Amino acid sequence: MKTRLKELRAREGFNQTELAKRARVSRQTISLIEREDLMPSLLIAVRLSHIFNEPIEKIFIFDGEELS
């Protein structure tokens, strides 16, 4: 899974701590997701989608192998 989280966070001017507070997760969780070391839960993905006003599939991109 690839993520555009860091790009979107920069676009909005959020640091990791600010985004974590908005998403109700730890800053470490945001860092792990950005480094693609953690796949977020559906609930976190939906929260991030609402924060950035982007569909989940525009934030998290899966390759074909991951989906089959």
PDB file of N, CA and C in Angstrom:
ATOM      1  N   MET A   1       0.839  -1.172   0.000  1.00  0.00           N
ATOM      2  CA  MET A   1       0.000   0.000   0.000  1.00  0.00           C
ATOM      3  C   MET A   1       0.890   1.243   0.000  1.00  0.00           C
ATOM      4  N   LYS A   2       0.580   2.145  -0.850  1.00  0.00           N
ATOM      5  CA  LYS A   2       1.221   3.461  -0.870  1.00  0.00           C
ATOM      6  C   LYS A   2       0.269   4.456  -0.230  1.00  0.00           C
ATOM      7  N   THR A   3       0.833   5.524   0.299  1.00  0.00           N
ATOM      8  CA  THR A   3      -0.012   6.533   0.923  1.00  0.00           C
ATOM      9  C   THR A   3       0.407   7.936   0.500  1.00  0.00           C
ATOM     10  N   ARG A   4      -0.572   8.800   0.378  1.00  0.00           N
ATOM     11  CA  ARG A   4      -0.337  10.214   0.067  1.00  0.00           C
ATOM     12  C   ARG A   4      -0.499  11.072   1.323  1.00  0.00           C
ATOM     13  N   LEU A   5      -0.491  10.428   2.480  1.00  0.00           N
ATOM     14  CA  LEU A   5      -0.787  11.129   3.720  1.00  0.00           C
ATOM     15  C   LEU A   5       0.163  12.297   3.964  1.00  0.00           C
ATOM     16  N   LYS A   6       1.458  12.084   3.798  1.00  0.00           N
ATOM     17  CA  LYS A   6       2.429  13.155   4.040  1.00  0.00           C
ATOM     18  C   LYS A   6       2.192  14.328   3.097  1.00  0.00           C
ATOM     19  N   GLU A   7       1.918  14.023   1.837  1.00  0.00           N
ATOM     20  CA  GLU A   7       1.636  15.062   0.829  1.00  0.00           C
ATOM     21  C   GLU A   7       0.390  15.869   1.218  1.00  0.00           C
ATOM     22  N   LEU A   8      -0.664  15.178   1.606  1.00  0.00           N
ATOM     23  CA  LEU A   8      -1.909  15.854   1.971  1.00  0.00           C
ATOM     24  C   LEU A   8      -1.744  16.657   3.254  1.00  0.00           C
ATOM     25  N   ARG A   9      -0.985  16.118   4.186  1.00  0.00           N
ATOM     26  CA  ARG A   9      -0.724  16.835   5.433  1.00  0.00           C
ATOM     27  C   ARG A   9       0.023  18.135   5.155  1.00  0.00           C
ATOM     28  N   ALA A  10       1.014  18.067   4.266  1.00  0.00           N
ATOM     29  CA  ALA A  10       1.773  19.275   3.897  1.00  0.00           C
ATOM     30  C   ALA A  10       0.873  20.285   3.188  1.00  0.00           C
ATOM     31  N   ARG A  11       0.003  19.782   2.330  1.00  0.00           N
ATOM     32  CA  ARG A  11      -0.924  20.659   1.597  1.00  0.00           C
ATOM     33  C   ARG A  11      -1.779  21.479   2.555  1.00  0.00           C
ATOM     34  N   GLU A  12      -2.205  20.848   3.640  1.00  0.00           N
ATOM     35  CA  GLU A  12      -3.065  21.519   4.613  1.00  0.00           C
ATOM     36  C   GLU A  12      -2.276  22.277   5.677  1.00  0.00           C
ATOM     37  N   GLY A  13      -0.958  22.103   5.697  1.00  0.00           N
ATOM     38  CA  GLY A  13      -0.129  22.802   6.673  1.00  0.00           C
ATOM     39  C   GLY A  13      -0.162  22.191   8.064  1.00  0.00           C
ATOM     40  N   PHE A  14      -0.493  20.910   8.165  1.00  0.00           N
ATOM     41  CA  PHE A  14      -0.523  20.227   9.456  1.00  0.00           C
ATOM     42  C   PHE A  14       0.827  19.585   9.729  1.00  0.00           C
ATOM     43  N   ASN A  15       1.260  19.608  10.994  1.00  0.00           N
ATOM     44  CA  ASN A  15       2.371  18.742  11.358  1.00  0.00           C
ATOM     45  C   ASN A  15       1.769  17.420  11.831  1.00  0.00           C
ATOM     46  N   GLN A  16       2.606  16.448  12.118  1.00  0.00           N
ATOM     47  CA  GLN A  16       2.086  15.131  12.509  1.00  0.00           C
ATOM     48  C   GLN A  16       1.252  15.205  13.785  1.00  0.00           C
ATOM     49  N   THR A  17       1.659  16.014  14.716  1.00  0.00           N
ATOM     50  CA  THR A  17       0.931  16.132  15.983  1.00  0.00           C
ATOM     51  C   THR A  17      -0.463  16.703  15.770  1.00  0.00           C
ATOM     52  N   GLU A  18      -0.566  17.748  14.944  1.00  0.00           N
ATOM     53  CA  GLU A  18      -1.873  18.356  14.668  1.00  0.00           C
ATOM     54  C   GLU A  18      -2.799  17.358  13.979  1.00  0.00           C
ATOM     55  N   LEU A  19      -2.265  16.648  12.988  1.00  0.00           N
ATOM     56  CA  LEU A  19      -3.087  15.664  12.282  1.00  0.00           C
ATOM     57  C   LEU A  19      -3.504  14.549  13.237  1.00  0.00           C
ATOM     58  N   ALA A  20      -2.599  14.103  14.076  1.00  0.00           N
ATOM     59  CA  ALA A  20      -2.921  13.042  15.031  1.00  0.00           C
ATOM     60  C   ALA A  20      -4.069  13.462  15.949  1.00  0.00           C
ATOM     61  N   LYS A  21      -4.039  14.687  16.433  1.00  0.00           N
ATOM     62  CA  LYS A  21      -5.124  15.176  17.299  1.00  0.00           C
ATOM     63  C   LYS A  21      -6.449  15.173  16.547  1.00  0.00           C
ATOM     64  N   ARG A  22      -6.438  15.642  15.310  1.00  0.00           N
ATOM     65  CA  ARG A  22      -7.675  15.677  14.514  1.00  0.00           C
ATOM     66  C   ARG A  22      -8.215  14.273  14.241  1.00  0.00           C
ATOM     67  N   ALA A  23      -7.300  13.331  14.019  1.00  0.00           N
ATOM     68  CA  ALA A  23      -7.699  11.949  13.705  1.00  0.00           C
ATOM     69  C   ALA A  23      -7.898  11.097  14.956  1.00  0.00           C
ATOM     70  N   ARG A  24      -7.581  11.673  16.129  1.00  0.00           N
ATOM     71  CA  ARG A  24      -7.716  10.984  17.413  1.00  0.00           C
ATOM     72  C   ARG A  24      -6.857   9.718  17.486  1.00  0.00           C
ATOM     73  N   VAL A  25      -5.595   9.893  17.052  1.00  0.00           N
ATOM     74  CA  VAL A  25      -4.599   8.830  17.150  1.00  0.00           C
ATOM     75  C   VAL A  25      -3.309   9.457  17.680  1.00  0.00           C
ATOM     76  N   SER A  26      -2.310   8.643  17.910  1.00  0.00           N
ATOM     77  CA  SER A  26      -1.030   9.176  18.369  1.00  0.00           C
ATOM     78  C   SER A  26      -0.216   9.713  17.186  1.00  0.00           C
ATOM     79  N   ARG A  27       0.737  10.577  17.498  1.00  0.00           N
ATOM     80  CA  ARG A  27       1.635  11.081  16.462  1.00  0.00           C
ATOM     81  C   ARG A  27       2.431   9.919  15.865  1.00  0.00           C
ATOM     82  N   GLN A  28       2.773   8.947  16.695  1.00  0.00           N
ATOM     83  CA  GLN A  28       3.512   7.785  16.216  1.00  0.00           C
ATOM     84  C   GLN A  28       2.709   6.998  15.174  1.00  0.00           C
ATOM     85  N   THR A  29       1.393   6.923  15.372  1.00  0.00           N
ATOM     86  CA  THR A  29       0.538   6.238  14.393  1.00  0.00           C
ATOM     87  C   THR A  29       0.608   6.942  13.048  1.00  0.00           C
ATOM     88  N   ILE A  30       0.532   8.264  13.054  1.00  0.00           N
ATOM     89  CA  ILE A  30       0.633   9.023  11.801  1.00  0.00           C
ATOM     90  C   ILE A  30       1.981   8.762  11.152  1.00  0.00           C
ATOM     91  N   SER A  31       3.044   8.783  11.934  1.00  0.00           N
ATOM     92  CA  SER A  31       4.380   8.538  11.412  1.00  0.00           C
ATOM     93  C   SER A  31       4.480   7.145  10.781  1.00  0.00           C
ATOM     94  N   LEU A  32       3.967   6.136  11.455  1.00  0.00           N
ATOM     95  CA  LEU A  32       4.011   4.770  10.926  1.00  0.00           C
ATOM     96  C   LEU A  32       3.220   4.640   9.624  1.00  0.00           C
ATOM     97  N   ILE A  33       2.067   5.280   9.561  1.00  0.00           N
ATOM     98  CA  ILE A  33       1.260   5.233   8.343  1.00  0.00           C
ATOM     99  C   ILE A  33       2.006   5.929   7.204  1.00  0.00           C
ATOM    100  N   GLU A  34       2.589   7.085   7.484  1.00  0.00           N
ATOM    101  CA  GLU A  34       3.319   7.826   6.449  1.00  0.00           C
ATOM    102  C   GLU A  34       4.509   7.033   5.934  1.00  0.00           C
ATOM    103  N   ARG A  35       5.181   6.290   6.803  1.00  0.00           N
ATOM    104  CA  ARG A  35       6.335   5.484   6.399  1.00  0.00           C
ATOM    105  C   ARG A  35       5.905   4.169   5.756  1.00  0.00           C
ATOM    106  N   GLU A  36       4.604   3.948   5.696  1.00  0.00           N
ATOM    107  CA  GLU A  36       4.013   2.740   5.127  1.00  0.00           C
ATOM    108  C   GLU A  36       4.411   1.498   5.908  1.00  0.00           C
ATOM    109  N   ASP A  37       4.608   1.691   7.227  1.00  0.00           N
ATOM    110  CA  ASP A  37       4.899   0.579   8.127  1.00  0.00           C
ATOM    111  C   ASP A  37       3.653   0.088   8.847  1.00  0.00           C
ATOM    112  N   LEU A  38       2.550   0.801   8.681  1.00  0.00           N
ATOM    113  CA  LEU A  38       1.297   0.444   9.333  1.00  0.00           C
ATOM    114  C   LEU A  38       0.147   0.725   8.382  1.00  0.00           C
ATOM    115  N   MET A  39      -0.726  -0.261   8.227  1.00  0.00           N
ATOM    116  CA  MET A  39      -1.950  -0.056   7.463  1.00  0.00           C
ATOM    117  C   MET A  39      -3.015   0.397   8.458  1.00  0.00           C
ATOM    118  N   PRO A  40      -3.630   1.557   8.220  1.00  0.00           N
ATOM    119  CA  PRO A  40      -4.599   2.062   9.201  1.00  0.00           C
ATOM    120  C   PRO A  40      -5.868   1.217   9.228  1.00  0.00           C
ATOM    121  N   SER A  41      -6.532   1.252  10.361  1.00  0.00           N
ATOM    122  CA  SER A  41      -7.836   0.614  10.453  1.00  0.00           C
ATOM    123  C   SER A  41      -8.814   1.372   9.555  1.00  0.00           C
ATOM    124  N   LEU A  42      -9.918   0.759   9.282  1.00  0.00           N
ATOM    125  CA  LEU A  42     -10.943   1.417   8.470  1.00  0.00           C
ATOM    126  C   LEU A  42     -11.420   2.695   9.136  1.00  0.00           C
ATOM    127  N   LEU A  43     -11.586   2.676  10.446  1.00  0.00           N
ATOM    128  CA  LEU A  43     -12.045   3.863  11.164  1.00  0.00           C
ATOM    129  C   LEU A  43     -11.055   5.019  11.002  1.00  0.00           C
ATOM    130  N   ILE A  44      -9.761   4.753  11.147  1.00  0.00           N
ATOM    131  CA  ILE A  44      -8.755   5.805  10.983  1.00  0.00           C
ATOM    132  C   ILE A  44      -8.735   6.290   9.542  1.00  0.00           C
ATOM    133  N   ALA A  45      -8.841   5.379   8.591  1.00  0.00           N
ATOM    134  CA  ALA A  45      -8.852   5.767   7.177  1.00  0.00           C
ATOM    135  C   ALA A  45     -10.041   6.675   6.870  1.00  0.00           C
ATOM    136  N   VAL A  46     -11.196   6.377   7.438  1.00  0.00           N
ATOM    137  CA  VAL A  46     -12.387   7.210   7.225  1.00  0.00           C
ATOM    138  C   VAL A  46     -12.184   8.582   7.864  1.00  0.00           C
ATOM    139  N   ARG A  47     -11.630   8.619   9.065  1.00  0.00           N
ATOM    140  CA  ARG A  47     -11.363   9.910   9.705  1.00  0.00           C
ATOM    141  C   ARG A  47     -10.426  10.759   8.849  1.00  0.00           C
ATOM    142  N   LEU A  48      -9.357  10.151   8.342  1.00  0.00           N
ATOM    143  CA  LEU A  48      -8.409  10.888   7.494  1.00  0.00           C
ATOM    144  C   LEU A  48      -9.086  11.357   6.215  1.00  0.00           C
ATOM    145  N   SER A  49      -9.938  10.529   5.660  1.00  0.00           N
ATOM    146  CA  SER A  49     -10.689  10.899   4.463  1.00  0.00           C
ATOM    147  C   SER A  49     -11.532  12.140   4.714  1.00  0.00           C
ATOM    148  N   HIS A  50     -12.171  12.209   5.860  1.00  0.00           N
ATOM    149  CA  HIS A  50     -12.991  13.378   6.204  1.00  0.00           C
ATOM    150  C   HIS A  50     -12.131  14.611   6.460  1.00  0.00           C
ATOM    151  N   ILE A  51     -11.015  14.421   7.139  1.00  0.00           N
ATOM    152  CA  ILE A  51     -10.129  15.551   7.435  1.00  0.00           C
ATOM    153  C   ILE A  51      -9.644  16.206   6.145  1.00  0.00           C
ATOM    154  N   PHE A  52      -9.255  15.386   5.167  1.00  0.00           N
ATOM    155  CA  PHE A  52      -8.701  15.920   3.924  1.00  0.00           C
ATOM    156  C   PHE A  52      -9.731  16.099   2.819  1.00  0.00           C
ATOM    157  N   ASN A  53     -10.973  15.686   3.096  1.00  0.00           N
ATOM    158  CA  ASN A  53     -12.036  15.771   2.093  1.00  0.00           C
ATOM    159  C   ASN A  53     -11.609  15.073   0.794  1.00  0.00           C
ATOM    160  N   GLU A  54     -11.069  13.882   0.965  1.00  0.00           N
ATOM    161  CA  GLU A  54     -10.596  13.061  -0.150  1.00  0.00           C
ATOM    162  C   GLU A  54     -11.153  11.653   0.043  1.00  0.00           C
ATOM    163  N   PRO A  55     -11.489  10.963  -1.048  1.00  0.00           N
ATOM    164  CA  PRO A  55     -11.896   9.562  -0.909  1.00  0.00           C
ATOM    165  C   PRO A  55     -10.731   8.724  -0.371  1.00  0.00           C
ATOM    166  N   ILE A  56     -11.051   7.697   0.372  1.00  0.00           N
ATOM    167  CA  ILE A  56     -10.022   6.830   0.946  1.00  0.00           C
ATOM    168  C   ILE A  56      -9.062   6.336  -0.133  1.00  0.00           C
ATOM    169  N   GLU A  57      -9.596   5.952  -1.286  1.00  0.00           N
ATOM    170  CA  GLU A  57      -8.737   5.397  -2.341  1.00  0.00           C
ATOM    171  C   GLU A  57      -7.824   6.440  -2.983  1.00  0.00           C
ATOM    172  N   LYS A  58      -8.032   7.717  -2.680  1.00  0.00           N
ATOM    173  CA  LYS A  58      -7.122   8.775  -3.141  1.00  0.00           C
ATOM    174  C   LYS A  58      -6.022   9.053  -2.113  1.00  0.00           C
ATOM    175  N   ILE A  59      -6.195   8.525  -0.910  1.00  0.00           N
ATOM    176  CA  ILE A  59      -5.193   8.675   0.143  1.00  0.00           C
ATOM    177  C   ILE A  59      -4.319   7.431   0.217  1.00  0.00           C
ATOM    178  N   PHE A  60      -4.956   6.270   0.113  1.00  0.00           N
ATOM    179  CA  PHE A  60      -4.257   4.990   0.199  1.00  0.00           C
ATOM    180  C   PHE A  60      -4.401   4.255  -1.120  1.00  0.00           C
ATOM    181  N   ILE A  61      -3.275   3.952  -1.754  1.00  0.00           N
ATOM    182  CA  ILE A  61      -3.277   3.345  -3.084  1.00  0.00           C
ATOM    183  C   ILE A  61      -2.730   1.928  -2.965  1.00  0.00           C
ATOM    184  N   PHE A  62      -3.523   0.970  -3.408  1.00  0.00           N
ATOM    185  CA  PHE A  62      -3.138  -0.434  -3.368  1.00  0.00           C
ATOM    186  C   PHE A  62      -2.739  -0.892  -4.763  1.00  0.00           C
ATOM    187  N   ASP A  63      -1.730  -1.755  -4.821  1.00  0.00           N
ATOM    188  CA  ASP A  63      -1.377  -2.316  -6.126  1.00  0.00           C
ATOM    189  C   ASP A  63      -2.266  -3.531  -6.378  1.00  0.00           C
ATOM    190  N   GLY A  64      -2.249  -4.013  -7.579  1.00  0.00           N
ATOM    191  CA  GLY A  64      -3.119  -5.125  -7.969  1.00  0.00           C
ATOM    192  C   GLY A  64      -2.922  -6.382  -7.155  1.00  0.00           C
ATOM    193  N   GLU A  65      -1.688  -6.685  -6.778  1.00  0.00           N
ATOM    194  CA  GLU A  65      -1.413  -7.904  -6.014  1.00  0.00           C
ATOM    195  C   GLU A  65      -2.048  -7.849  -4.633  1.00  0.00           C
ATOM    196  N   GLU A  66      -2.086  -6.690  -4.027  1.00  0.00           N
ATOM    197  CA  GLU A  66      -2.662  -6.556  -2.696  1.00  0.00           C
ATOM    198  C   GLU A  66      -4.178  -6.776  -2.713  1.00  0.00           C
ATOM    199  N   LEU A  67      -4.789  -6.488  -3.835  1.00  0.00           N
ATOM    200  CA  LEU A  67      -6.243  -6.572  -3.924  1.00  0.00           C
ATOM    201  C   LEU A  67      -6.732  -7.937  -4.385  1.00  0.00           C
ATOM    202  N   SER A  68      -5.829  -8.802  -4.848  1.00  0.00           N
ATOM    203  CA  SER A  68      -6.286 -10.123  -5.320  1.00  0.00           C
ATOM    204  C   SER A  68      -5.890 -11.238  -4.399  1.00  0.00           C
TER     205      SER A  68
END
